[in-house]
């Protein structure tokens, strides 16, 4: 679609680089390069990022086991 085949592919065995975004309804603002603010009512927030199949951003633990079922583990 964007005519940049080197940027990604969907194929069996390919590396997984992805971002999961969540649409949020909220009073928010967006700042442009001239530092002017535009008001908005919706924003996208990244809730998970993977690079080469490894999780590199998971602020809410989407890929972690639930605490109740995690079993024995050490204290950090």
Protein backbone atom coordinates (compact mmCIF):
# COMPACT_ATOMS: atom_id res chain seq x y z
CA UNK A 1 0.00 0.00 0.00
CA UNK A 2 2.79 2.46 0.82
CA UNK A 3 5.14 0.93 -1.78
CA UNK A 4 7.94 0.29 0.73
CA UNK A 5 8.39 -3.51 0.79
CA UNK A 6 11.54 -3.23 2.93
CA UNK A 7 9.46 -1.87 5.84
CA UNK A 8 7.59 -5.04 6.58
CA UNK A 9 5.95 -8.20 5.44
CA UNK A 10 3.27 -10.55 6.63
CA UNK A 11 4.74 -13.98 6.02
CA UNK A 12 5.23 -17.24 7.88
CA UNK A 13 8.53 -17.10 9.75
CA UNK A 14 8.91 -13.34 9.34
CA UNK A 15 10.04 -11.18 12.25
CA UNK A 16 7.18 -9.63 14.20
CA UNK A 17 7.45 -5.85 14.54
CA UNK A 18 4.15 -4.45 15.69
CA UNK A 19 2.44 -1.85 17.80
CA UNK A 20 -0.97 -2.32 19.41
CA UNK A 21 -2.82 0.97 19.74
CA UNK A 22 -5.89 1.74 21.83
CA UNK A 23 -8.37 4.48 20.92
CA UNK A 24 -9.21 6.51 24.01
CA UNK A 25 -12.03 9.00 24.44
CA UNK A 26 -10.62 11.93 26.40
CA UNK A 27 -10.28 15.69 26.37
CA UNK A 28 -6.74 16.01 25.05
CA UNK A 29 -4.44 18.26 23.10
CA UNK A 30 -1.94 17.92 20.29
CA UNK A 31 1.04 20.24 19.86
CA UNK A 32 2.44 21.02 16.40
CA UNK A 33 5.99 21.99 15.42
CA UNK A 34 5.18 25.69 15.99
CA UNK A 35 4.05 24.88 19.55
CA UNK A 36 0.41 25.64 18.81
CA UNK A 37 -2.15 23.41 20.50
CA UNK A 38 -5.14 21.78 18.84
CA UNK A 39 -7.82 20.35 21.11
CA UNK A 40 -9.17 16.86 20.57
CA UNK A 41 -11.59 14.34 22.05
CA UNK A 42 -9.85 11.11 21.01
CA UNK A 43 -6.26 9.90 21.12
CA UNK A 44 -4.29 6.75 20.35
CA UNK A 45 -2.13 5.23 23.06
CA UNK A 46 0.41 2.47 22.47
CA UNK A 47 -0.33 -0.44 24.81
CA UNK A 48 2.13 -3.01 23.38
CA UNK A 49 5.17 -2.95 21.10
CA UNK A 50 7.11 -5.91 19.72
CA UNK A 51 10.45 -5.84 17.89
CA UNK A 52 11.69 -8.97 16.13
CA UNK A 53 9.12 -11.02 18.06
CA UNK A 54 10.20 -9.75 21.50
CA UNK A 55 8.00 -7.57 23.69
CA UNK A 56 9.75 -4.22 24.25
CA UNK A 57 6.85 -2.13 25.65
CA UNK A 58 4.05 -3.56 27.78
CA UNK A 59 3.18 -0.95 30.43
CA UNK A 60 0.01 -2.71 31.63
CA UNK A 61 1.25 -6.32 31.50
CA UNK A 62 -0.86 -7.56 28.57
CA UNK A 63 1.65 -10.36 27.93
CA UNK A 64 2.24 -11.26 31.59
CA UNK A 65 0.46 -14.03 33.53
CA UNK A 66 -2.20 -12.93 35.99
CA UNK A 67 -0.85 -12.44 39.50
CA UNK A 68 -3.24 -15.01 40.97
CA UNK A 69 -1.96 -17.76 38.63
CA UNK A 70 1.72 -16.74 38.30
CA UNK A 71 2.91 -19.32 40.81
CA UNK A 72 6.10 -19.00 42.85
CA UNK A 73 8.48 -16.21 41.96
CA UNK A 74 11.22 -14.25 43.67
CA UNK A 75 11.06 -10.69 44.93
CA UNK A 76 13.13 -8.24 42.89
